[in-house]
Protein backbone atom coordinates (compact mmCIF):
# COMPACT_ATOMS: atom_id res chain seq x y z
CA MET A 1 -12.01 -34.45 34.91
CA LYS A 2 -8.31 -35.30 34.80
CA ASP A 3 -7.97 -33.47 31.45
CA THR A 4 -9.86 -30.35 32.51
CA LEU A 5 -6.84 -28.11 33.16
CA ILE A 6 -5.07 -28.92 29.89
CA LYS A 7 -8.32 -28.35 27.98
CA ILE A 8 -8.68 -24.94 29.65
CA ALA A 9 -5.07 -24.19 28.71
CA LEU A 10 -5.80 -25.06 25.06
CA PHE A 11 -8.82 -22.74 25.09
CA ILE A 12 -6.77 -19.86 26.57
CA ASN A 13 -3.90 -20.37 24.12
CA TYR A 14 -6.30 -20.18 21.21
CA PHE A 15 -8.01 -17.15 22.75
CA VAL A 16 -4.73 -15.18 22.99
CA PHE A 17 -3.58 -16.05 19.49
CA ALA A 18 -7.02 -15.34 18.05
CA ILE A 19 -6.65 -11.74 19.19
CA LEU A 20 -3.10 -11.44 17.88
CA LEU A 21 -3.58 -13.17 14.54
CA ASN A 22 -6.83 -11.56 13.59
CA SER A 23 -5.81 -8.09 14.65
CA VAL A 24 -4.30 -7.93 11.18
CA GLY A 25 -7.54 -6.44 9.82
CA SER A 26 -7.51 -3.70 12.46
CA VAL A 27 -3.81 -3.07 11.92
CA ILE A 28 -4.23 -2.95 8.12
CA LEU A 29 -6.73 -0.12 8.62
CA GLN A 30 -4.57 1.73 11.15
CA VAL A 31 -1.21 1.58 9.34
CA GLN A 32 -2.81 3.24 6.32
CA SER A 33 -3.36 6.32 8.50
CA THR A 34 -0.51 6.11 11.02
CA TYR A 35 2.27 5.28 8.54
CA GLN A 36 0.63 6.52 5.30
CA VAL A 37 0.86 3.24 3.39
CA SER A 38 -1.38 2.10 0.49
CA GLU A 39 -3.95 -0.70 0.58
CA SER A 40 -1.72 -3.01 -1.47
CA ASN A 41 1.27 -2.31 0.79
CA ALA A 42 -0.81 -2.79 3.94
CA SER A 43 -2.00 -6.16 2.61
CA THR A 44 1.57 -7.48 2.91
CA LEU A 45 1.05 -7.73 6.68
CA GLU A 46 -1.03 -10.81 5.99
CA GLY A 47 1.95 -12.26 4.15
CA PHE A 48 4.31 -11.68 7.06
CA LYS A 49 1.85 -13.46 9.32
CA ASP A 50 0.82 -16.32 7.08
CA LEU A 51 4.12 -17.04 5.36
CA SER A 52 5.78 -17.20 8.77
CA ILE A 53 3.12 -19.72 9.78
CA ALA A 54 3.74 -21.69 6.59
CA LEU A 55 7.52 -21.72 6.93
CA ALA A 56 7.50 -22.59 10.63
CA SER A 57 4.98 -25.39 10.16
CA PHE A 58 6.91 -26.84 7.22
CA LEU A 59 10.19 -26.84 9.15
CA THR A 60 8.79 -28.24 12.39
CA ALA A 61 5.90 -30.51 11.35
CA SER A 62 8.09 -33.63 11.42
CA TYR A 63 9.64 -32.66 14.77
CA ILE A 64 6.74 -31.30 16.80
CA ALA A 65 5.96 -34.55 18.64
CA ARG A 66 9.62 -35.02 19.55
CA ILE A 67 9.82 -31.45 20.86
CA GLY A 68 6.67 -32.10 22.88
CA TYR A 69 3.33 -30.38 22.41
CA LYS A 70 3.43 -28.65 25.78
CA LYS A 71 7.03 -27.47 25.42
CA ALA A 72 6.35 -26.12 21.91
CA MET A 73 3.37 -24.12 23.18
CA LEU A 74 5.41 -22.66 26.04
CA ILE A 75 8.15 -21.56 23.60
CA ALA A 76 5.56 -19.93 21.36
CA LEU A 77 3.89 -18.01 24.20
CA ALA A 78 7.21 -16.72 25.55
CA PHE A 79 8.33 -15.56 22.08
CA VAL A 80 5.13 -13.72 21.26
CA ALA A 81 4.98 -12.05 24.70
CA PHE A 82 8.45 -10.59 24.07
CA ALA A 83 7.41 -9.35 20.60
CA CYS A 84 4.29 -7.66 21.99
CA PHE A 85 6.21 -5.79 24.70
CA LEU A 86 8.78 -4.59 22.13
CA THR A 87 6.46 -3.34 19.35
CA PRO A 88 5.11 -0.07 20.89
CA SER A 89 8.60 1.29 21.52
CA LEU A 90 9.68 0.67 17.91
CA ASN A 91 6.56 2.33 16.42
CA THR A 92 7.21 1.74 12.69
CA PHE A 93 5.47 -0.08 9.85
CA ASN A 94 8.42 -2.45 9.66
CA ALA A 95 7.98 -3.21 13.37
CA THR A 96 4.38 -4.32 12.73
CA LYS A 97 5.68 -6.60 9.96
CA LEU A 98 8.15 -8.19 12.37
CA LEU A 99 5.45 -8.53 15.03
CA PHE A 100 3.20 -10.47 12.68
CA ALA A 101 6.14 -12.62 11.61
CA ALA A 102 6.70 -13.47 15.30
CA VAL A 103 2.99 -14.11 15.84
CA GLY A 104 2.83 -16.34 12.77
CA THR A 105 5.88 -18.37 13.75
CA SER A 106 4.53 -18.85 17.27
CA PHE A 107 1.05 -19.77 16.09
CA ALA A 108 2.44 -22.54 13.88
CA LEU A 109 3.79 -24.20 17.02
CA ILE A 110 0.58 -23.53 18.93
CA LYS A 111 -1.77 -24.89 16.27
CA MET A 112 0.20 -28.06 15.56
CA SER A 113 0.46 -28.69 19.29
CA VAL A 114 -3.22 -28.02 19.97
CA TYR A 115 -4.33 -30.27 17.12
CA GLY A 116 -1.96 -33.00 18.27
CA THR A 117 -3.15 -32.66 21.86
CA ILE A 118 -6.80 -33.00 20.80
CA GLY A 119 -5.85 -36.40 19.39
CA LEU A 120 -4.45 -37.39 22.78
CA LEU A 121 -7.58 -36.25 24.63
CA THR A 122 -10.24 -37.90 22.42
CA THR A 123 -10.96 -41.50 21.44
CA ASN A 124 -13.25 -41.32 18.37
CA GLU A 125 -14.21 -39.13 15.41
CA LYS A 126 -17.32 -37.59 16.99
CA GLN A 127 -15.43 -36.61 20.15
CA HIS A 128 -12.63 -35.18 18.01
CA ILE A 129 -14.98 -33.07 15.85
CA SER A 130 -16.89 -31.87 18.92
CA LEU A 131 -13.79 -30.78 20.88
CA MET A 132 -12.27 -29.26 17.73
CA SER A 133 -15.43 -27.23 17.12
CA PHE A 134 -15.58 -25.98 20.71
CA ILE A 135 -11.92 -24.92 20.67
CA GLU A 136 -12.32 -23.24 17.28
CA SER A 137 -15.44 -21.45 18.54
CA PHE A 138 -13.41 -20.09 21.45
CA PHE A 139 -10.92 -18.88 18.85
CA MET A 140 -13.75 -16.78 17.45
CA VAL A 141 -14.51 -15.42 20.92
CA GLY A 142 -10.90 -14.24 21.02
CA ILE A 143 -11.30 -12.53 17.66
CA LEU A 144 -14.47 -10.84 18.92
CA THR A 145 -12.64 -9.59 22.00
CA GLY A 146 -9.77 -8.32 19.88
CA TYR A 147 -11.96 -6.00 17.84
CA PHE A 148 -13.17 -4.22 20.98
CA LEU A 149 -9.66 -4.07 22.47
CA PHE A 150 -8.22 -2.39 19.40
CA GLY A 151 -11.26 -0.15 19.01
CA TYR A 152 -10.80 1.06 22.59
CA PHE A 153 -7.21 2.17 21.96
CA ILE A 154 -7.93 4.00 18.66
CA ASP A 155 -8.22 7.80 18.65
CA ASN A 156 -10.96 8.76 16.15
CA ALA A 157 -10.12 12.45 16.52
CA ASN A 158 -6.53 11.83 15.43
CA PRO A 159 -6.39 8.98 12.86
CA GLN A 160 -2.60 9.32 12.50
CA SER A 161 -2.02 8.74 16.22
CA SER A 162 -0.03 5.67 17.27
CA SER A 163 -1.95 5.34 20.54
CA TRP A 164 -3.42 2.03 19.33
CA LEU A 165 0.02 0.43 19.76
CA GLN A 166 -0.46 0.54 23.53
CA VAL A 167 -2.79 -2.45 23.19
CA TYR A 168 0.29 -4.65 22.75
CA TYR A 169 1.33 -4.13 26.37
CA LEU A 170 -1.99 -5.71 27.36
CA LEU A 171 -1.60 -8.53 24.83
CA GLY A 172 1.92 -9.23 26.06
CA SER A 173 0.55 -9.55 29.58
CA LEU A 174 -2.19 -11.94 28.42
CA SER A 175 0.44 -14.10 26.71
CA THR A 176 2.38 -14.24 29.96
CA VAL A 177 -0.72 -15.36 31.87
CA ALA A 178 -1.37 -18.05 29.24
CA PHE A 179 2.24 -19.23 29.63
CA LEU A 180 1.85 -19.64 33.39
CA LEU A 181 -1.47 -21.48 33.07
CA LEU A 182 -0.02 -23.94 30.57
CA TRP A 183 3.08 -24.45 32.72
CA PHE A 184 0.94 -25.94 35.50
CA ALA A 185 -1.38 -27.98 33.22
CA PRO A 186 -0.43 -31.70 33.15
CA LEU A 187 -0.24 -33.47 29.78
CA ASN A 188 0.87 -37.07 29.27
CA GLU A 189 2.68 -37.25 25.91
CA SER A 190 4.63 -40.45 26.51
CA ASN A 191 2.62 -42.56 24.07
CA ILE A 192 2.97 -40.26 21.07
CA GLN A 193 6.64 -39.53 21.74
CA ASN A 194 7.49 -43.20 22.06
CA LYS A 195 5.88 -43.88 18.68
CA THR A 196 7.56 -40.99 16.90
CA PRO A 197 10.90 -41.72 15.19
CA ASN A 198 13.91 -39.48 15.68
CA PRO A 199 13.91 -36.42 13.39
CA SER A 200 15.67 -37.14 10.11
CA LEU A 201 15.45 -36.62 6.38
CA SER A 202 13.08 -39.59 6.25
CA ASN A 203 10.57 -37.59 8.31
CA LEU A 204 10.51 -34.90 5.63
CA LYS A 205 10.02 -37.59 2.98
CA GLU A 206 7.13 -38.95 5.02
CA LEU A 207 5.60 -35.46 5.12
CA VAL A 208 5.86 -35.13 1.34
CA GLY A 209 4.47 -38.66 0.96
CA LEU A 210 1.53 -37.78 3.20
CA ALA A 211 0.81 -34.67 1.14
CA SER A 212 0.74 -36.74 -2.07
CA LYS A 213 -2.13 -38.98 -0.93
CA PRO A 214 -5.26 -38.23 -3.04
CA ILE A 215 -7.55 -37.60 -0.06
CA VAL A 216 -4.95 -35.31 1.51
CA LEU A 217 -4.55 -33.38 -1.76
CA VAL A 218 -8.29 -32.78 -1.97
CA PHE A 219 -8.37 -31.76 1.68
CA ILE A 220 -5.49 -29.31 1.06
CA LEU A 221 -7.56 -27.75 -1.73
CA CYS A 222 -10.52 -27.40 0.66
CA ALA A 223 -8.40 -25.85 3.43
CA PHE A 224 -6.67 -23.46 1.03
CA PHE A 225 -9.87 -22.05 -0.44
CA TYR A 226 -11.71 -21.90 2.88
CA VAL A 227 -9.00 -19.79 4.49
CA LEU A 228 -8.70 -17.70 1.32
CA ILE A 229 -12.39 -16.80 1.72
CA GLU A 230 -12.28 -16.30 5.47
CA GLN A 231 -9.16 -14.14 5.60
CA SER A 232 -10.04 -12.02 2.58
CA ILE A 233 -13.26 -11.02 4.38
CA MET A 234 -11.93 -10.88 7.94
CA SER A 235 -8.78 -8.90 7.13
CA TRP A 236 -10.54 -6.33 4.98
CA LEU A 237 -13.89 -5.93 6.74
CA PRO A 238 -12.64 -3.04 8.95
CA SER A 239 -11.40 -1.21 5.83
CA PHE A 240 -14.70 -1.99 4.05
CA ASN A 241 -16.65 -0.57 6.99
CA ASN A 242 -14.49 2.55 7.05
CA LYS A 243 -14.05 3.33 3.35
CA VAL A 244 -17.24 1.94 1.79
CA LEU A 245 -19.76 2.28 4.64
CA HIS A 246 -18.10 5.48 5.98
CA LEU A 247 -17.84 4.38 9.62
CA PRO A 248 -15.28 6.10 11.92
CA PRO A 249 -12.11 3.94 12.37
CA ALA A 250 -12.87 2.74 15.91
CA LEU A 251 -16.49 1.93 15.03
CA ALA A 252 -15.39 0.24 11.78
CA ILE A 253 -13.21 -2.13 13.80
CA GLN A 254 -15.74 -2.71 16.57
CA MET A 255 -18.56 -3.51 14.14
CA SER A 256 -16.30 -6.09 12.50
CA SER A 257 -16.84 -8.00 15.73
CA ILE A 258 -20.21 -9.08 14.32
CA LEU A 259 -18.27 -11.35 11.95
CA ALA A 260 -16.35 -12.91 14.83
CA ALA A 261 -19.50 -13.30 16.96
CA SER A 262 -21.44 -14.97 14.15
CA SER A 263 -18.44 -17.24 13.44
CA ALA A 264 -18.25 -18.26 17.09
CA ILE A 265 -21.96 -19.11 17.09
CA GLY A 266 -21.54 -21.01 13.84
CA ARG A 267 -18.73 -23.18 15.18
CA LEU A 268 -20.41 -23.72 18.52
CA GLY A 269 -23.62 -24.74 16.76
CA ALA A 270 -21.71 -27.06 14.44
CA GLY A 271 -20.32 -28.85 17.48
CA PHE A 272 -23.90 -29.93 18.28
CA LEU A 273 -25.37 -30.29 14.78
CA ILE A 274 -22.56 -32.50 13.48
CA LYS A 275 -23.69 -35.19 15.93
CA LYS A 276 -27.15 -35.28 14.32
CA ILE A 277 -26.71 -34.74 10.55
CA LYS A 278 -24.11 -35.68 7.95
CA TRP A 279 -21.24 -33.21 7.74
CA ILE A 280 -21.43 -32.84 3.94
CA GLN A 281 -25.11 -31.88 4.15
CA LEU A 282 -24.42 -29.25 6.80
CA LEU A 283 -21.48 -27.71 4.95
CA SER A 284 -23.21 -27.72 1.54
CA ILE A 285 -26.21 -25.85 2.95
CA CYS A 286 -23.93 -23.37 4.71
CA LEU A 287 -21.91 -22.55 1.58
CA GLY A 288 -25.03 -22.19 -0.57
CA LEU A 289 -26.53 -19.73 1.90
CA ALA A 290 -23.18 -17.87 2.17
CA ALA A 291 -23.20 -17.23 -1.60
CA ILE A 292 -26.79 -15.94 -1.40
CA LEU A 293 -25.85 -13.63 1.47
CA VAL A 294 -23.03 -12.06 -0.56
CA LEU A 295 -25.43 -11.36 -3.44
CA VAL A 296 -28.00 -9.82 -1.07
CA ALA A 297 -25.78 -7.86 1.34
CA ILE A 298 -23.17 -6.18 -0.88
CA PRO A 299 -25.71 -4.13 -2.93
CA MET A 300 -26.90 -2.67 0.40
CA ALA A 301 -23.52 -0.94 0.74
CA LYS A 302 -24.33 1.54 -2.06
CA ASN A 303 -25.25 5.13 -1.24
CA THR A 304 -24.77 4.85 2.53
CA GLN A 305 -24.73 8.04 4.65
CA THR A 306 -21.41 9.63 5.64
CA ASN A 307 -22.26 11.02 9.09
CA VAL A 308 -22.36 7.78 11.05
CA THR A 309 -21.41 8.23 14.70
CA GLY A 310 -22.43 4.98 16.43
CA TRP A 311 -24.03 1.56 16.20
CA GLY A 312 -27.52 3.10 16.19
CA ASP A 313 -27.14 4.94 12.86
CA ALA A 314 -24.84 2.46 11.09
CA PRO A 315 -26.10 1.22 7.69
CA ILE A 316 -27.88 -2.14 7.53
CA ALA A 317 -25.07 -3.63 5.44
CA ALA A 318 -22.70 -3.28 8.42
CA PHE A 319 -24.96 -5.68 10.33
CA ILE A 320 -26.00 -8.07 7.54
CA PHE A 321 -22.83 -8.91 5.62
CA PRO A 322 -20.77 -10.03 8.67
CA LEU A 323 -23.38 -12.73 9.31
CA ILE A 324 -21.57 -14.70 6.61
CA GLY A 325 -19.34 -15.88 9.46
CA LEU A 326 -22.27 -17.93 10.82
CA LEU A 327 -22.37 -19.86 7.54
CA LEU A 328 -18.66 -20.23 6.83
CA ALA A 329 -17.54 -21.07 10.37
CA PRO A 330 -18.54 -24.78 10.52
CA VAL A 331 -16.39 -25.68 7.50
CA TYR A 332 -12.86 -25.46 8.85
CA PRO A 333 -13.02 -27.45 12.11
CA THR A 334 -15.15 -30.11 10.43
CA ILE A 335 -12.84 -30.80 7.50
CA ASN A 336 -9.82 -30.73 9.82
CA SER A 337 -11.36 -33.40 12.02
CA ILE A 338 -12.38 -35.48 8.98
CA ILE A 339 -8.83 -35.68 7.66
CA LEU A 340 -7.13 -36.04 11.06
CA THR A 341 -9.34 -38.92 12.20
CA ALA A 342 -8.80 -40.64 8.85
CA LEU A 343 -5.08 -40.93 9.65
CA PRO A 344 -3.13 -42.85 12.32
CA THR A 345 -2.37 -40.91 15.51
CA SER A 346 1.34 -40.91 14.68
CA ASN A 347 0.64 -38.96 11.44
CA GLN A 348 -1.62 -36.34 13.00
CA GLY A 349 1.22 -34.00 13.98
CA GLN A 350 2.52 -34.04 10.40
CA MET A 351 -0.99 -33.56 9.03
CA SER A 352 -1.45 -30.60 11.35
CA GLY A 353 1.67 -29.09 9.80
CA LEU A 354 0.20 -29.48 6.32
CA ILE A 355 -3.09 -27.96 7.48
CA ILE A 356 -1.26 -24.92 8.82
CA LEU A 357 1.00 -24.63 5.76
CA PHE A 358 -1.74 -24.54 3.15
CA SER A 359 -4.14 -22.57 5.33
CA ALA A 360 -1.44 -19.92 5.64
CA LEU A 361 -0.89 -19.84 1.90
CA GLY A 362 -4.64 -19.49 1.38
CA GLY A 363 -4.88 -16.65 3.87
CA THR A 364 -2.03 -14.70 2.29
CA THR A 365 -3.39 -15.23 -1.22
CA GLY A 366 -6.88 -14.11 -0.23
CA SER A 367 -5.74 -10.99 1.60
CA ILE A 368 -3.35 -9.84 -1.13
CA ILE A 369 -5.90 -10.41 -3.91
CA THR A 370 -8.58 -8.59 -1.91
CA GLY A 371 -6.21 -5.73 -1.07
CA ASN A 372 -5.35 -5.16 -4.71
CA LEU A 373 -8.98 -5.45 -5.80
CA PHE A 374 -9.88 -3.02 -3.02
CA GLN A 375 -7.31 -0.50 -4.26
CA CYS A 376 -8.12 -0.85 -7.98
CA PHE A 377 -11.88 -1.48 -8.07
CA GLY A 378 -13.24 -0.69 -4.61
CA GLY A 379 -14.46 -2.69 -1.64
CA GLU A 380 -17.73 -3.89 -3.15
CA THR A 381 -16.00 -5.61 -6.09
CA ALA A 382 -13.37 -7.02 -3.74
CA PHE A 383 -16.01 -8.79 -1.64
CA TYR A 384 -17.98 -10.04 -4.67
CA PHE A 385 -14.78 -11.95 -5.48
CA SER A 386 -15.58 -14.37 -2.64
CA LEU A 387 -18.26 -16.04 -4.80
CA ILE A 388 -15.57 -17.73 -6.92
CA PRO A 389 -13.70 -19.55 -4.12
CA ILE A 390 -17.02 -20.42 -2.41
CA THR A 391 -18.03 -22.33 -5.54
CA ILE A 392 -14.64 -24.06 -5.82
CA LEU A 393 -14.77 -25.01 -2.13
CA LEU A 394 -18.21 -26.60 -2.45
CA LEU A 395 -17.08 -28.76 -5.37
CA ALA A 396 -13.92 -29.80 -3.50
CA LEU A 397 -15.94 -30.74 -0.39
CA LEU A 398 -18.17 -33.02 -2.45
CA GLN A 399 -15.08 -34.79 -3.77
CA LEU A 400 -13.60 -35.04 -0.24
CA GLN A 401 -16.79 -36.67 0.98
CA LYS A 402 -16.67 -39.31 -1.76
CA MET A 403 -13.05 -40.16 -0.98
CA HIS A 404 -13.66 -40.23 2.78
CA ASN A 405 -16.60 -42.61 2.36
CA LYS A 406 -14.49 -44.89 0.17
CA MET A 407 -11.65 -44.92 2.72
CA THR A 408 -14.07 -45.65 5.56
CA THR A 409 -15.65 -48.54 3.62
CA ASN A 410 -12.24 -50.06 2.83
CA ASN A 411 -11.19 -49.92 6.49
CA GLU A 412 -14.30 -51.72 7.72
């Protein structure tokens, strides 16, 4: 019970940043109309978000424990609240780029701190995976909420309207509430800070050395391709719904919530299933079914009607394809816990930085590739592309499992 308030604070932090980070798909759709930018140009928003995450995590991974997990999260929440309140008054495409850069930078601090804090609150691998899965599932609840928030502020009758920017006043207020909740949540970080050396060049060398370990390299490959898949679908699903399935903008965004809902259920379910079956079996089945779903659902997008007005007359593909989130969702929190629990507690902050760095690179790569495929070949071809990284990810997971088993045997 003594850790209840800090756990609630972690859930709320992830909830707020889930809305902000994954609004990129909604914003990609809206800036095409509001600011008259192309699909390929709109896809750069993912880069501003993810490359900011990558840069911030690389620069601070060796320092995060010395800064303090709680203090880092407070800084991040204050920074992003300021950016949210400023964005509507600027009202330009460049302003949205800067907003996502601020969100990305702040999330790097949040994610490293949350992952590090989970290590302080748990005592074994099963507890770690379970808490990680529950927190990540709440992240998906935030994404789900975000789709409805943005859909509410969009004016279907005037696609070029900037009324959707008013949502950032609400998001700035939520960030402020999250800041206050965290401020009053106690967290004992004395053990980790006492074991962490002063920041120096040697810390950066340790980070590079950590990244060169074979099991870490294979994990990095897994994380990169998972996020490439996830973000390419999540960031472009609203545009797919609008331009391929012919849904009105607000409905296109709101129906993308099915992906977030199925992902939340997938991660919540994984938190229970992982206690009963081997993680590699669960993830292999999920990825195999995900590939089958792509092959079944995308052909349904052909020849859909153009007079859709609501959920009741939306094409079946708008309901079926987003269920891929149910199958992909268990992968990320599971592999993160596998690699984090394989390392000493003192290395988990640095490992969190590497997770964020290569996840960000994967997200940017996936979104930009999908955006260009979307512009040149259409949305159906763009989403068929996901079959390639799904196959690579499955092969990498099998290799990760072999290396993890070997490490576990050697440590016994």
